[in-house]
Full PDB file with SEQRES, HELIX, SHEET, SSBOND, CRYST1, ORIGX, SCALE, CONECT and MASTER records, all heavy atoms in Angstrom:
SEQRES   1 A   34  VAL ARG TYR PRO ASN GLU LEU LEU ARG ILE LEU ASP ASN          
SEQRES   2 A   34  GLY GLY TYR ILE VAL ARG LEU VAL ALA SER ASP GLU THR          
SEQRES   3 A   34  LEU ILE GLU ARG GLY SER ASN GLU                              
HELIX    1 AA1 PRO A    4  ASP A   12  1                                   9    
HELIX    2 AA2 ASP A   24  GLU A   29  1                                   6    
CRYST1    1.000    1.000    1.000  90.00  90.00  90.00 P 1           1          
ORIGX1      1.000000  0.000000  0.000000        0.00000                         
ORIGX2      0.000000  1.000000  0.000000        0.00000                         
ORIGX3      0.000000  0.000000  1.000000        0.00000                         
SCALE1      1.000000  0.000000  0.000000        0.00000                         
SCALE2      0.000000  1.000000  0.000000        0.00000                         
SCALE3      0.000000  0.000000  1.000000        0.00000                         
ATOM      1  N   VAL A   1       5.354   0.329   0.638  1.00  0.00           N  
ATOM      2  CA  VAL A   1       5.100   1.717   0.968  1.00  0.00           C  
ATOM      3  C   VAL A   1       3.909   1.765   1.890  1.00  0.00           C  
ATOM      4  O   VAL A   1       2.773   1.426   1.521  1.00  0.00           O  
ATOM      5  CB  VAL A   1       4.860   2.539  -0.292  1.00  0.00           C  
ATOM      6  CG1 VAL A   1       4.580   4.012   0.113  1.00  0.00           C  
ATOM      7  CG2 VAL A   1       5.983   2.424  -1.268  1.00  0.00           C  
ATOM      8  N   ARG A   2       4.106   2.110   3.136  1.00  0.00           N  
ATOM      9  CA  ARG A   2       3.070   2.069   4.172  1.00  0.00           C  
ATOM     10  C   ARG A   2       2.795   3.385   4.914  1.00  0.00           C  
ATOM     11  O   ARG A   2       1.744   3.507   5.557  1.00  0.00           O  
ATOM     12  CB  ARG A   2       3.435   0.964   5.246  1.00  0.00           C  
ATOM     13  CG  ARG A   2       3.597  -0.425   4.687  1.00  0.00           C  
ATOM     14  CD  ARG A   2       3.901  -1.390   5.772  1.00  0.00           C  
ATOM     15  NE  ARG A   2       4.173  -2.751   5.329  1.00  0.00           N  
ATOM     16  CZ  ARG A   2       3.217  -3.684   5.024  1.00  0.00           C  
ATOM     17  NH1 ARG A   2       1.918  -3.310   5.300  1.00  0.00           N  
ATOM     18  NH2 ARG A   2       3.490  -4.845   4.617  1.00  0.00           N  
ATOM     19  N   TYR A   3       3.734   4.320   4.857  1.00  0.00           N  
ATOM     20  CA  TYR A   3       3.591   5.576   5.601  1.00  0.00           C  
ATOM     21  C   TYR A   3       3.701   6.770   4.691  1.00  0.00           C  
ATOM     22  O   TYR A   3       4.367   6.701   3.606  1.00  0.00           O  
ATOM     23  CB  TYR A   3       4.639   5.668   6.697  1.00  0.00           C  
ATOM     24  CG  TYR A   3       4.490   4.647   7.785  1.00  0.00           C  
ATOM     25  CD1 TYR A   3       5.134   3.428   7.748  1.00  0.00           C  
ATOM     26  CD2 TYR A   3       3.646   4.918   8.893  1.00  0.00           C  
ATOM     27  CE1 TYR A   3       4.969   2.486   8.745  1.00  0.00           C  
ATOM     28  CE2 TYR A   3       3.481   4.005   9.878  1.00  0.00           C  
ATOM     29  CZ  TYR A   3       4.167   2.775   9.819  1.00  0.00           C  
ATOM     30  OH  TYR A   3       3.971   1.865  10.836  1.00  0.00           O  
ATOM     31  N   PRO A   4       3.079   7.896   5.024  1.00  0.00           N  
ATOM     32  CA  PRO A   4       3.081   9.076   4.156  1.00  0.00           C  
ATOM     33  C   PRO A   4       4.500   9.609   3.837  1.00  0.00           C  
ATOM     34  O   PRO A   4       4.713  10.022   2.700  1.00  0.00           O  
ATOM     35  CB  PRO A   4       2.319  10.105   4.994  1.00  0.00           C  
ATOM     36  CG  PRO A   4       1.366   9.305   5.796  1.00  0.00           C  
ATOM     37  CD  PRO A   4       2.127   8.084   6.177  1.00  0.00           C  
ATOM     38  N   ASN A   5       5.422   9.550   4.739  1.00  0.00           N  
ATOM     39  CA  ASN A   5       6.766  10.014   4.484  1.00  0.00           C  
ATOM     40  C   ASN A   5       7.498   9.165   3.481  1.00  0.00           C  
ATOM     41  O   ASN A   5       8.328   9.657   2.713  1.00  0.00           O  
ATOM     42  CB  ASN A   5       7.630  10.214   5.769  1.00  0.00           C  
ATOM     43  CG  ASN A   5       7.817   8.937   6.580  1.00  0.00           C  
ATOM     44  OD1 ASN A   5       6.990   8.020   6.436  1.00  0.00           O  
ATOM     45  ND2 ASN A   5       8.766   8.908   7.439  1.00  0.00           N  
ATOM     46  N   GLU A   6       7.223   7.880   3.503  1.00  0.00           N  
ATOM     47  CA  GLU A   6       7.802   6.951   2.442  1.00  0.00           C  
ATOM     48  C   GLU A   6       7.249   7.272   1.088  1.00  0.00           C  
ATOM     49  O   GLU A   6       8.042   7.342   0.100  1.00  0.00           O  
ATOM     50  CB  GLU A   6       7.421   5.496   2.806  1.00  0.00           C  
ATOM     51  CG  GLU A   6       8.004   5.028   4.135  1.00  0.00           C  
ATOM     52  CD  GLU A   6       7.499   3.648   4.550  1.00  0.00           C  
ATOM     53  OE1 GLU A   6       6.593   3.144   3.920  1.00  0.00           O  
ATOM     54  OE2 GLU A   6       7.992   3.120   5.606  1.00  0.00           O  
ATOM     55  N   LEU A   7       5.973   7.531   1.011  1.00  0.00           N  
ATOM     56  CA  LEU A   7       5.350   7.944  -0.253  1.00  0.00           C  
ATOM     57  C   LEU A   7       5.874   9.248  -0.786  1.00  0.00           C  
ATOM     58  O   LEU A   7       6.250   9.370  -1.949  1.00  0.00           O  
ATOM     59  CB  LEU A   7       3.858   7.956  -0.042  1.00  0.00           C  
ATOM     60  CG  LEU A   7       2.983   8.309  -1.255  1.00  0.00           C  
ATOM     61  CD1 LEU A   7       1.642   7.515  -1.185  1.00  0.00           C  
ATOM     62  CD2 LEU A   7       2.652   9.794  -1.365  1.00  0.00           C  
ATOM     63  N   LEU A   8       5.960  10.224   0.135  1.00  0.00           N  
ATOM     64  CA  LEU A   8       6.437  11.578  -0.307  1.00  0.00           C  
ATOM     65  C   LEU A   8       7.871  11.563  -0.803  1.00  0.00           C  
ATOM     66  O   LEU A   8       8.256  12.234  -1.766  1.00  0.00           O  
ATOM     67  CB  LEU A   8       6.302  12.572   0.868  1.00  0.00           C  
ATOM     68  CG  LEU A   8       4.850  12.934   1.215  1.00  0.00           C  
ATOM     69  CD1 LEU A   8       4.848  13.778   2.508  1.00  0.00           C  
ATOM     70  CD2 LEU A   8       4.180  13.680   0.062  1.00  0.00           C  
ATOM     71  N   ARG A   9       8.712  10.736  -0.198  1.00  0.00           N  
ATOM     72  CA  ARG A   9      10.072  10.636  -0.705  1.00  0.00           C  
ATOM     73  C   ARG A   9      10.153  10.071  -2.101  1.00  0.00           C  
ATOM     74  O   ARG A   9      10.991  10.460  -2.903  1.00  0.00           O  
ATOM     75  CB  ARG A   9      10.945   9.757   0.237  1.00  0.00           C  
ATOM     76  CG  ARG A   9      12.429   9.677  -0.082  1.00  0.00           C  
ATOM     77  CD  ARG A   9      13.108  10.995  -0.022  1.00  0.00           C  
ATOM     78  NE  ARG A   9      13.162  11.492   1.336  1.00  0.00           N  
ATOM     79  CZ  ARG A   9      14.212  11.305   2.158  1.00  0.00           C  
ATOM     80  NH1 ARG A   9      15.230  10.552   1.751  1.00  0.00           N  
ATOM     81  NH2 ARG A   9      14.165  11.785   3.404  1.00  0.00           N  
ATOM     82  N   ILE A  10       9.271   9.097  -2.348  1.00  0.00           N  
ATOM     83  CA  ILE A  10       9.273   8.538  -3.737  1.00  0.00           C  
ATOM     84  C   ILE A  10       8.826   9.614  -4.719  1.00  0.00           C  
ATOM     85  O   ILE A  10       9.389   9.774  -5.785  1.00  0.00           O  
ATOM     86  CB  ILE A  10       8.249   7.324  -3.788  1.00  0.00           C  
ATOM     87  CG1 ILE A  10       8.904   6.124  -2.970  1.00  0.00           C  
ATOM     88  CG2 ILE A  10       7.986   6.921  -5.243  1.00  0.00           C  
ATOM     89  CD1 ILE A  10       7.941   5.038  -2.741  1.00  0.00           C  
ATOM     90  N   LEU A  11       7.779  10.363  -4.372  1.00  0.00           N  
ATOM     91  CA  LEU A  11       7.295  11.389  -5.285  1.00  0.00           C  
ATOM     92  C   LEU A  11       8.343  12.474  -5.441  1.00  0.00           C  
ATOM     93  O   LEU A  11       8.501  13.036  -6.532  1.00  0.00           O  
ATOM     94  CB  LEU A  11       5.985  11.985  -4.731  1.00  0.00           C  
ATOM     95  CG  LEU A  11       4.746  11.038  -4.705  1.00  0.00           C  
ATOM     96  CD1 LEU A  11       3.596  11.746  -4.064  1.00  0.00           C  
ATOM     97  CD2 LEU A  11       4.431  10.619  -6.098  1.00  0.00           C  
ATOM     98  N   ASP A  12       9.047  12.820  -4.357  1.00  0.00           N  
ATOM     99  CA  ASP A  12      10.109  13.816  -4.451  1.00  0.00           C  
ATOM    100  C   ASP A  12      11.279  13.441  -5.425  1.00  0.00           C  
ATOM    101  O   ASP A  12      11.952  14.211  -5.928  1.00  0.00           O  
ATOM    102  CB  ASP A  12      10.762  14.071  -3.084  1.00  0.00           C  
ATOM    103  CG  ASP A  12       9.804  14.819  -2.157  1.00  0.00           C  
ATOM    104  OD1 ASP A  12       8.805  15.469  -2.620  1.00  0.00           O  
ATOM    105  OD2 ASP A  12      10.037  14.880  -0.920  1.00  0.00           O  
ATOM    106  N   ASN A  13      11.336  12.090  -5.632  1.00  0.00           N  
ATOM    107  CA  ASN A  13      12.347  11.622  -6.552  1.00  0.00           C  
ATOM    108  C   ASN A  13      11.717  11.209  -7.951  1.00  0.00           C  
ATOM    109  O   ASN A  13      12.261  10.395  -8.716  1.00  0.00           O  
ATOM    110  CB  ASN A  13      13.036  10.392  -6.009  1.00  0.00           C  
ATOM    111  CG  ASN A  13      14.095  10.731  -4.952  1.00  0.00           C  
ATOM    112  OD1 ASN A  13      15.222  11.005  -5.305  1.00  0.00           O  
ATOM    113  ND2 ASN A  13      13.634  10.805  -3.683  1.00  0.00           N  
ATOM    114  N   GLY A  14      10.564  11.860  -8.293  1.00  0.00           N  
ATOM    115  CA  GLY A  14       9.944  11.721  -9.520  1.00  0.00           C  
ATOM    116  C   GLY A  14       9.219  10.385  -9.724  1.00  0.00           C  
ATOM    117  O   GLY A  14       9.039   9.914 -10.860  1.00  0.00           O  
ATOM    118  N   GLY A  15       8.898   9.689  -8.649  1.00  0.00           N  
ATOM    119  CA  GLY A  15       8.321   8.362  -8.732  1.00  0.00           C  
ATOM    120  C   GLY A  15       6.821   8.312  -8.943  1.00  0.00           C  
ATOM    121  O   GLY A  15       6.099   9.335  -9.005  1.00  0.00           O  
ATOM    122  N   TYR A  16       6.333   7.072  -9.070  1.00  0.00           N  
ATOM    123  CA  TYR A  16       4.978   6.756  -9.310  1.00  0.00           C  
ATOM    124  C   TYR A  16       4.482   5.801  -8.252  1.00  0.00           C  
ATOM    125  O   TYR A  16       5.213   5.063  -7.702  1.00  0.00           O  
ATOM    126  CB  TYR A  16       4.735   6.150 -10.710  1.00  0.00           C  
ATOM    127  CG  TYR A  16       5.317   7.008 -11.813  1.00  0.00           C  
ATOM    128  CD1 TYR A  16       6.619   6.763 -12.254  1.00  0.00           C  
ATOM    129  CD2 TYR A  16       4.580   8.018 -12.365  1.00  0.00           C  
ATOM    130  CE1 TYR A  16       7.119   7.543 -13.227  1.00  0.00           C  
ATOM    131  CE2 TYR A  16       5.108   8.800 -13.360  1.00  0.00           C  
ATOM    132  CZ  TYR A  16       6.390   8.530 -13.889  1.00  0.00           C  
ATOM    133  OH  TYR A  16       6.955   9.299 -14.825  1.00  0.00           O  
ATOM    134  N   ILE A  17       3.161   5.901  -7.943  1.00  0.00           N  
ATOM    135  CA  ILE A  17       2.581   5.089  -6.903  1.00  0.00           C  
ATOM    136  C   ILE A  17       1.525   4.136  -7.473  1.00  0.00           C  
ATOM    137  O   ILE A  17       0.652   4.536  -8.233  1.00  0.00           O  
ATOM    138  CB  ILE A  17       1.939   5.990  -5.795  1.00  0.00           C  
ATOM    139  CG1 ILE A  17       2.982   6.920  -5.199  1.00  0.00           C  
ATOM    140  CG2 ILE A  17       1.280   5.067  -4.738  1.00  0.00           C  
ATOM    141  CD1 ILE A  17       4.100   6.213  -4.476  1.00  0.00           C  
ATOM    142  N   VAL A  18       1.667   2.848  -7.103  1.00  0.00           N  
ATOM    143  CA  VAL A  18       0.616   1.838  -7.432  1.00  0.00           C  
ATOM    144  C   VAL A  18      -0.021   1.446  -6.184  1.00  0.00           C  
ATOM    145  O   VAL A  18       0.632   0.972  -5.250  1.00  0.00           O  
ATOM    146  CB  VAL A  18       1.334   0.666  -8.125  1.00  0.00           C  
ATOM    147  CG1 VAL A  18       0.291  -0.432  -8.353  1.00  0.00           C  
ATOM    148  CG2 VAL A  18       1.945   1.073  -9.436  1.00  0.00           C  
ATOM    149  N   ARG A  19      -1.336   1.540  -6.053  1.00  0.00           N  
ATOM    150  CA  ARG A  19      -2.079   1.196  -4.889  1.00  0.00           C  
ATOM    151  C   ARG A  19      -2.942  -0.038  -5.182  1.00  0.00           C  
ATOM    152  O   ARG A  19      -3.752  -0.020  -6.097  1.00  0.00           O  
ATOM    153  CB  ARG A  19      -2.980   2.332  -4.423  1.00  0.00           C  
ATOM    154  CG  ARG A  19      -3.834   2.028  -3.182  1.00  0.00           C  
ATOM    155  CD  ARG A  19      -4.625   3.235  -2.717  1.00  0.00           C  
ATOM    156  NE  ARG A  19      -5.433   2.920  -1.558  1.00  0.00           N  
ATOM    157  CZ  ARG A  19      -6.762   2.846  -1.650  1.00  0.00           C  
ATOM    158  NH1 ARG A  19      -7.434   3.043  -2.754  1.00  0.00           N  
ATOM    159  NH2 ARG A  19      -7.468   2.531  -0.556  1.00  0.00           N  
ATOM    160  N   LEU A  20      -2.742  -1.104  -4.435  1.00  0.00           N  
ATOM    161  CA  LEU A  20      -3.474  -2.359  -4.549  1.00  0.00           C  
ATOM    162  C   LEU A  20      -4.549  -2.331  -3.485  1.00  0.00           C  
ATOM    163  O   LEU A  20      -4.287  -2.333  -2.352  1.00  0.00           O  
ATOM    164  CB  LEU A  20      -2.524  -3.515  -4.439  1.00  0.00           C  
ATOM    165  CG  LEU A  20      -1.353  -3.565  -5.329  1.00  0.00           C  
ATOM    166  CD1 LEU A  20      -0.543  -4.876  -5.122  1.00  0.00           C  
ATOM    167  CD2 LEU A  20      -1.796  -3.536  -6.827  1.00  0.00           C  
ATOM    168  N   VAL A  21      -5.785  -2.348  -3.928  1.00  0.00           N  
ATOM    169  CA  VAL A  21      -6.969  -2.270  -3.053  1.00  0.00           C  
ATOM    170  C   VAL A  21      -7.637  -3.653  -2.940  1.00  0.00           C  
ATOM    171  O   VAL A  21      -7.822  -4.302  -3.952  1.00  0.00           O  
ATOM    172  CB  VAL A  21      -8.013  -1.267  -3.582  1.00  0.00           C  
ATOM    173  CG1 VAL A  21      -9.170  -1.128  -2.618  1.00  0.00           C  
ATOM    174  CG2 VAL A  21      -7.320   0.054  -3.847  1.00  0.00           C  
ATOM    175  N   ALA A  22      -7.922  -4.051  -1.727  1.00  0.00           N  
ATOM    176  CA  ALA A  22      -8.557  -5.349  -1.497  1.00  0.00           C  
ATOM    177  C   ALA A  22      -9.417  -5.227  -0.247  1.00  0.00           C  
ATOM    178  O   ALA A  22      -9.136  -4.530   0.657  1.00  0.00           O  
ATOM    179  CB  ALA A  22      -7.563  -6.457  -1.340  1.00  0.00           C  
ATOM    180  N   SER A  23     -10.525  -5.970  -0.308  1.00  0.00           N  
ATOM    181  CA  SER A  23     -11.421  -6.021   0.874  1.00  0.00           C  
ATOM    182  C   SER A  23     -10.820  -6.807   2.023  1.00  0.00           C  
ATOM    183  O   SER A  23      -9.911  -7.619   1.780  1.00  0.00           O  
ATOM    184  CB  SER A  23     -12.771  -6.663   0.464  1.00  0.00           C  
ATOM    185  OG  SER A  23     -12.540  -8.046   0.161  1.00  0.00           O  
ATOM    186  N   ASP A  24     -11.302  -6.576   3.224  1.00  0.00           N  
ATOM    187  CA  ASP A  24     -10.807  -7.367   4.375  1.00  0.00           C  
ATOM    188  C   ASP A  24     -11.033  -8.833   4.149  1.00  0.00           C  
ATOM    189  O   ASP A  24     -10.168  -9.689   4.482  1.00  0.00           O  
ATOM    190  CB  ASP A  24     -11.549  -6.919   5.656  1.00  0.00           C  
ATOM    191  CG  ASP A  24     -11.157  -5.565   6.139  1.00  0.00           C  
ATOM    192  OD1 ASP A  24     -10.286  -4.972   5.504  1.00  0.00           O  
ATOM    193  OD2 ASP A  24     -11.683  -5.091   7.140  1.00  0.00           O  
ATOM    194  N   GLU A  25     -12.165  -9.179   3.521  1.00  0.00           N  
ATOM    195  CA  GLU A  25     -12.499 -10.580   3.304  1.00  0.00           C  
ATOM    196  C   GLU A  25     -11.433 -11.268   2.437  1.00  0.00           C  
ATOM    197  O   GLU A  25     -11.011 -12.402   2.715  1.00  0.00           O  
ATOM    198  CB  GLU A  25     -13.853 -10.741   2.694  1.00  0.00           C  
ATOM    199  CG  GLU A  25     -15.020 -10.378   3.605  1.00  0.00           C  
ATOM    200  CD  GLU A  25     -15.226  -8.830   3.786  1.00  0.00           C  
ATOM    201  OE1 GLU A  25     -14.570  -8.069   3.006  1.00  0.00           O  
ATOM    202  OE2 GLU A  25     -16.022  -8.434   4.660  1.00  0.00           O  
ATOM    203  N   THR A  26     -11.037 -10.562   1.346  1.00  0.00           N  
ATOM    204  CA  THR A  26     -10.030 -11.103   0.457  1.00  0.00           C  
ATOM    205  C   THR A  26      -8.754 -11.305   1.125  1.00  0.00           C  
ATOM    206  O   THR A  26      -8.046 -12.328   1.028  1.00  0.00           O  
ATOM    207  CB  THR A  26      -9.850 -10.201  -0.766  1.00  0.00           C  
ATOM    208  OG1 THR A  26     -11.100 -10.157  -1.559  1.00  0.00           O  
ATOM    209  CG2 THR A  26      -8.732 -10.686  -1.697  1.00  0.00           C  
ATOM    210  N   LEU A  27      -8.335 -10.283   1.873  1.00  0.00           N  
ATOM    211  CA  LEU A  27      -7.020 -10.326   2.565  1.00  0.00           C  
ATOM    212  C   LEU A  27      -6.997 -11.426   3.632  1.00  0.00           C  
ATOM    213  O   LEU A  27      -5.941 -12.123   3.770  1.00  0.00           O  
ATOM    214  CB  LEU A  27      -6.688  -8.964   3.212  1.00  0.00           C  
ATOM    215  CG  LEU A  27      -6.611  -7.809   2.236  1.00  0.00           C  
ATOM    216  CD1 LEU A  27      -6.351  -6.546   2.933  1.00  0.00           C  
ATOM    217  CD2 LEU A  27      -5.495  -8.059   1.217  1.00  0.00           C  
ATOM    218  N   ILE A  28      -8.087 -11.617   4.339  1.00  0.00           N  
ATOM    219  CA  ILE A  28      -8.114 -12.674   5.356  1.00  0.00           C  
ATOM    220  C   ILE A  28      -8.146 -14.064   4.666  1.00  0.00           C  
ATOM    221  O   ILE A  28      -7.488 -15.018   5.140  1.00  0.00           O  
ATOM    222  CB  ILE A  28      -9.374 -12.467   6.252  1.00  0.00           C  
ATOM    223  CG1 ILE A  28      -9.147 -11.274   7.165  1.00  0.00           C  
ATOM    224  CG2 ILE A  28      -9.584 -13.751   7.118  1.00  0.00           C  
ATOM    225  CD1 ILE A  28     -10.420 -10.830   7.917  1.00  0.00           C  
ATOM    226  N   GLU A  29      -8.810 -14.163   3.559  1.00  0.00           N  
ATOM    227  CA  GLU A  29      -8.790 -15.361   2.823  1.00  0.00           C  
ATOM    228  C   GLU A  29      -7.393 -15.746   2.342  1.00  0.00           C  
ATOM    229  O   GLU A  29      -7.006 -16.920   2.267  1.00  0.00           O  
ATOM    230  CB  GLU A  29      -9.665 -15.310   1.587  1.00  0.00           C  
ATOM    231  CG  GLU A  29     -11.191 -15.428   1.909  1.00  0.00           C  
ATOM    232  CD  GLU A  29     -12.008 -15.293   0.609  1.00  0.00           C  
ATOM    233  OE1 GLU A  29     -11.409 -15.174  -0.435  1.00  0.00           O  
ATOM    234  OE2 GLU A  29     -13.257 -15.199   0.767  1.00  0.00           O  
ATOM    235  N   ARG A  30      -6.540 -14.740   2.067  1.00  0.00           N  
ATOM    236  CA  ARG A  30      -5.170 -14.933   1.644  1.00  0.00           C  
ATOM    237  C   ARG A  30      -4.193 -15.172   2.763  1.00  0.00           C  
ATOM    238  O   ARG A  30      -2.994 -15.399   2.490  1.00  0.00           O  
ATOM    239  CB  ARG A  30      -4.724 -13.726   0.816  1.00  0.00           C  
ATOM    240  CG  ARG A  30      -5.484 -13.541  -0.530  1.00  0.00           C  
ATOM    241  CD  ARG A  30      -4.961 -12.318  -1.272  1.00  0.00           C  
ATOM    242  NE  ARG A  30      -5.619 -12.144  -2.531  1.00  0.00           N  
ATOM    243  CZ  ARG A  30      -5.262 -11.193  -3.385  1.00  0.00           C  
ATOM    244  NH1 ARG A  30      -4.310 -10.309  -3.127  1.00  0.00           N  
ATOM    245  NH2 ARG A  30      -5.904 -11.072  -4.565  1.00  0.00           N  
ATOM    246  N   GLY A  31      -4.703 -15.107   4.008  1.00  0.00           N  
ATOM    247  CA  GLY A  31      -3.784 -15.391   5.170  1.00  0.00           C  
ATOM    248  C   GLY A  31      -3.595 -14.303   6.128  1.00  0.00           C  
ATOM    249  O   GLY A  31      -2.826 -14.447   7.146  1.00  0.00           O  
ATOM    250  N   SER A  32      -4.167 -13.098   5.906  1.00  0.00           N  
ATOM    251  CA  SER A  32      -4.016 -12.020   6.909  1.00  0.00           C  
ATOM    252  C   SER A  32      -5.051 -12.291   8.058  1.00  0.00           C  
ATOM    253  O   SER A  32      -5.750 -13.280   8.061  1.00  0.00           O  
ATOM    254  CB  SER A  32      -4.291 -10.653   6.273  1.00  0.00           C  
ATOM    255  OG  SER A  32      -3.974  -9.635   7.163  1.00  0.00           O  
ATOM    256  N   ASN A  33      -5.067 -11.343   8.977  1.00  0.00           N  
ATOM    257  CA  ASN A  33      -6.017 -11.440  10.109  1.00  0.00           C  
ATOM    258  C   ASN A  33      -6.425 -10.061  10.546  1.00  0.00           C  
ATOM    259  O   ASN A  33      -5.808  -9.072  10.156  1.00  0.00           O  
ATOM    260  CB  ASN A  33      -5.451 -12.249  11.254  1.00  0.00           C  
ATOM    261  CG  ASN A  33      -4.121 -11.686  11.754  1.00  0.00           C  
ATOM    262  OD1 ASN A  33      -4.088 -10.578  12.332  1.00  0.00           O  
ATOM    263  ND2 ASN A  33      -3.043 -12.424  11.561  1.00  0.00           N  
ATOM    264  N   GLU A  34      -7.479  -9.989  11.340  1.00  0.00           N  
ATOM    265  CA  GLU A  34      -7.987  -8.691  11.767  1.00  0.00           C  
ATOM    266  C   GLU A  34      -6.983  -7.861  12.543  1.00  0.00           C  
ATOM    267  O   GLU A  34      -6.937  -6.660  12.436  1.00  0.00           O  
ATOM    268  CB  GLU A  34      -9.292  -8.900  12.631  1.00  0.00           C  
ATOM    269  CG  GLU A  34     -10.448  -9.496  11.753  1.00  0.00           C  
ATOM    270  CD  GLU A  34     -11.675  -9.627  12.595  1.00  0.00           C  
ATOM    271  OE1 GLU A  34     -11.645  -9.338  13.813  1.00  0.00           O  
ATOM    272  OE2 GLU A  34     -12.743 -10.006  11.993  1.00  0.00           O  
TER     273      GLU A  34                                                      
MASTER        0    0    0    2    0    0    0    6  272    1    0    3          
END                                                                             
């Protein structure tokens, strides 16, 4: 889930949202990039 309309459609269908929060440093260590 990356965009507001994706999130809203889930909520419109009675759904729940789980947000995973991580620092840039953690994400880059795991293989992402700036």
